[in-house]
């Protein structure tokens, strides 16, 4: 197992973090909006499916 000092570890973490390409504010906003839109669409879809299944079960059981 490699021996690494805490100071060396922190330097290496900073070097790796500097290589990351962070999203812009606009990209983050667009991605967030898309998540909200997709969550809303899926919630409506599952509401409709749940209501349809409940209606079929109610029809079968009387």
N, C-alpha and C. Protein backbone atom coordinates (compact mmCIF):
# COMPACT_ATOMS: atom_id res chain seq x y z
N UNK A 1 0.83 -1.17 0.00
CA UNK A 1 0.00 0.00 0.00
C UNK A 1 0.89 1.25 0.00
N UNK A 2 0.51 2.22 -0.81
CA UNK A 2 1.32 3.42 -0.95
C UNK A 2 1.17 4.31 0.28
N UNK A 3 2.27 4.89 0.69
CA UNK A 3 2.25 5.83 1.82
C UNK A 3 2.09 7.25 1.26
N UNK A 4 1.06 7.94 1.69
CA UNK A 4 0.81 9.30 1.23
C UNK A 4 0.58 10.18 2.45
N UNK A 5 1.28 11.30 2.46
CA UNK A 5 1.10 12.24 3.56
C UNK A 5 -0.19 13.04 3.31
N UNK A 6 -0.79 13.56 4.38
CA UNK A 6 -2.01 14.37 4.19
C UNK A 6 -1.79 15.57 3.27
N UNK A 7 -0.63 16.20 3.37
CA UNK A 7 -0.35 17.36 2.52
C UNK A 7 -0.29 16.95 1.04
N UNK A 8 0.36 15.83 0.76
CA UNK A 8 0.45 15.35 -0.62
C UNK A 8 -0.94 14.98 -1.14
N UNK A 9 -1.73 14.36 -0.29
CA UNK A 9 -3.09 14.00 -0.68
C UNK A 9 -3.89 15.24 -1.06
N UNK A 10 -3.81 16.29 -0.26
CA UNK A 10 -4.54 17.52 -0.53
C UNK A 10 -4.07 18.14 -1.85
N UNK A 11 -2.76 18.14 -2.09
CA UNK A 11 -2.22 18.68 -3.36
C UNK A 11 -2.78 17.89 -4.55
N UNK A 12 -2.78 16.57 -4.43
CA UNK A 12 -3.28 15.74 -5.54
C UNK A 12 -4.77 15.95 -5.77
N UNK A 13 -5.53 16.12 -4.70
CA UNK A 13 -6.96 16.38 -4.84
C UNK A 13 -7.18 17.71 -5.55
N UNK A 14 -6.42 18.74 -5.18
CA UNK A 14 -6.54 20.05 -5.84
C UNK A 14 -6.18 19.95 -7.32
N UNK A 15 -5.14 19.18 -7.65
CA UNK A 15 -4.76 19.01 -9.05
C UNK A 15 -5.88 18.34 -9.83
N UNK A 16 -6.47 17.31 -9.28
CA UNK A 16 -7.55 16.61 -9.97
C UNK A 16 -8.79 17.49 -10.10
N UNK A 17 -9.10 18.24 -9.06
CA UNK A 17 -10.27 19.12 -9.09
C UNK A 17 -10.11 20.22 -10.13
N UNK A 18 -8.88 20.66 -10.37
CA UNK A 18 -8.66 21.70 -11.37
C UNK A 18 -8.87 21.17 -12.79
N UNK A 19 -8.85 19.85 -12.98
CA UNK A 19 -9.06 19.26 -14.30
C UNK A 19 -10.54 19.13 -14.66
N UNK A 20 -11.40 19.27 -13.66
CA UNK A 20 -12.84 19.11 -13.87
C UNK A 20 -13.37 20.30 -14.65
N UNK A 21 -14.20 20.04 -15.66
CA UNK A 21 -14.86 21.12 -16.38
C UNK A 21 -16.25 21.29 -15.77
N UNK A 22 -16.43 22.38 -15.05
CA UNK A 22 -17.68 22.62 -14.36
C UNK A 22 -18.70 23.21 -15.33
N UNK A 23 -19.99 22.88 -15.16
CA UNK A 23 -21.01 23.45 -16.05
C UNK A 23 -21.19 24.94 -15.78
N UNK A 24 -21.63 25.63 -16.82
CA UNK A 24 -21.92 27.06 -16.65
C UNK A 24 -23.24 27.23 -15.91
N UNK A 25 -23.52 28.46 -15.52
CA UNK A 25 -24.78 28.75 -14.83
C UNK A 25 -25.96 28.43 -15.74
N UNK A 26 -25.82 28.74 -17.03
CA UNK A 26 -26.90 28.48 -17.99
C UNK A 26 -27.13 26.98 -18.15
N UNK A 27 -26.06 26.21 -18.28
CA UNK A 27 -26.18 24.76 -18.42
C UNK A 27 -26.85 24.14 -17.19
N UNK A 28 -26.48 24.63 -16.02
CA UNK A 28 -27.09 24.12 -14.79
C UNK A 28 -28.58 24.46 -14.75
N UNK A 29 -28.93 25.68 -15.16
CA UNK A 29 -30.34 26.09 -15.18
C UNK A 29 -31.16 25.26 -16.15
N UNK A 30 -30.61 25.02 -17.34
CA UNK A 30 -31.31 24.22 -18.35
C UNK A 30 -31.50 22.78 -17.86
N UNK A 31 -30.45 22.21 -17.28
CA UNK A 31 -30.55 20.84 -16.77
C UNK A 31 -31.57 20.74 -15.64
N UNK A 32 -31.59 21.73 -14.76
CA UNK A 32 -32.56 21.74 -13.67
C UNK A 32 -33.98 21.84 -14.20
N UNK A 33 -34.19 22.72 -15.16
CA UNK A 33 -35.52 22.88 -15.76
C UNK A 33 -35.97 21.58 -16.42
N UNK A 34 -35.05 20.92 -17.12
CA UNK A 34 -35.40 19.65 -17.78
C UNK A 34 -35.78 18.59 -16.75
N UNK A 35 -35.08 18.57 -15.63
CA UNK A 35 -35.43 17.60 -14.58
C UNK A 35 -36.84 17.88 -14.07
N UNK A 36 -37.15 19.14 -13.80
CA UNK A 36 -38.49 19.47 -13.32
C UNK A 36 -39.57 19.10 -14.34
N UNK A 37 -39.30 19.37 -15.61
CA UNK A 37 -40.26 19.03 -16.67
C UNK A 37 -40.47 17.52 -16.73
N UNK A 38 -39.39 16.76 -16.73
CA UNK A 38 -39.51 15.31 -16.82
C UNK A 38 -40.20 14.72 -15.59
N UNK A 39 -39.91 15.25 -14.42
CA UNK A 39 -40.56 14.76 -13.20
C UNK A 39 -42.06 15.04 -13.27
N UNK A 40 -42.43 16.21 -13.76
CA UNK A 40 -43.85 16.55 -13.88
C UNK A 40 -44.55 15.63 -14.88
N UNK A 41 -43.91 15.40 -16.02
CA UNK A 41 -44.50 14.51 -17.03
C UNK A 41 -44.66 13.10 -16.47
N UNK A 42 -43.64 12.60 -15.78
CA UNK A 42 -43.72 11.25 -15.23
C UNK A 42 -44.77 11.16 -14.12
N UNK A 43 -44.91 12.20 -13.32
CA UNK A 43 -45.92 12.21 -12.26
C UNK A 43 -47.32 12.15 -12.87
N UNK A 44 -47.55 12.92 -13.91
CA UNK A 44 -48.85 12.89 -14.58
C UNK A 44 -49.09 11.53 -15.21
N UNK A 45 -48.07 10.97 -15.86
CA UNK A 45 -48.20 9.65 -16.47
C UNK A 45 -48.59 8.60 -15.43
N UNK A 46 -47.87 8.57 -14.30
CA UNK A 46 -48.16 7.56 -13.29
C UNK A 46 -49.51 7.81 -12.62
N UNK A 47 -49.93 9.06 -12.51
CA UNK A 47 -51.26 9.35 -11.99
C UNK A 47 -52.32 8.76 -12.91
N UNK A 48 -52.17 8.96 -14.20
CA UNK A 48 -53.14 8.44 -15.17
C UNK A 48 -53.14 6.92 -15.15
N UNK A 49 -51.98 6.29 -15.14
CA UNK A 49 -51.90 4.83 -15.11
C UNK A 49 -52.52 4.29 -13.83
N UNK A 50 -52.23 4.92 -12.70
CA UNK A 50 -52.78 4.48 -11.43
C UNK A 50 -54.31 4.59 -11.43
N UNK A 51 -54.83 5.68 -11.96
CA UNK A 51 -56.28 5.86 -12.02
C UNK A 51 -56.91 4.83 -12.96
N UNK A 52 -56.26 4.52 -14.06
CA UNK A 52 -56.78 3.52 -14.99
C UNK A 52 -56.80 2.13 -14.35
N UNK A 53 -55.75 1.78 -13.65
CA UNK A 53 -55.69 0.48 -12.98
C UNK A 53 -56.75 0.41 -11.89
N UNK A 54 -56.91 1.50 -11.12
CA UNK A 54 -57.92 1.53 -10.07
C UNK A 54 -59.32 1.37 -10.67
N UNK A 55 -59.57 2.02 -11.83
CA UNK A 55 -60.87 1.92 -12.49
C UNK A 55 -61.13 0.49 -12.96
N UNK A 56 -60.10 -0.17 -13.53
CA UNK A 56 -60.25 -1.56 -13.99
C UNK A 56 -60.51 -2.49 -12.81
N UNK A 57 -59.79 -2.32 -11.73
CA UNK A 57 -59.98 -3.16 -10.57
C UNK A 57 -61.38 -2.94 -9.98
N UNK A 58 -61.81 -1.69 -9.92
CA UNK A 58 -63.16 -1.38 -9.43
C UNK A 58 -64.21 -2.02 -10.33
N UNK A 59 -63.96 -2.03 -11.64
CA UNK A 59 -64.89 -2.64 -12.60
C UNK A 59 -64.96 -4.14 -12.38
N UNK A 60 -63.81 -4.77 -12.14
CA UNK A 60 -63.77 -6.22 -11.94
C UNK A 60 -64.41 -6.62 -10.61
N UNK A 61 -64.08 -5.92 -9.54
CA UNK A 61 -64.57 -6.29 -8.22
C UNK A 61 -65.97 -5.77 -7.92
N UNK A 62 -66.42 -4.85 -8.71
CA UNK A 62 -67.78 -4.34 -8.52
C UNK A 62 -67.81 -3.26 -7.54
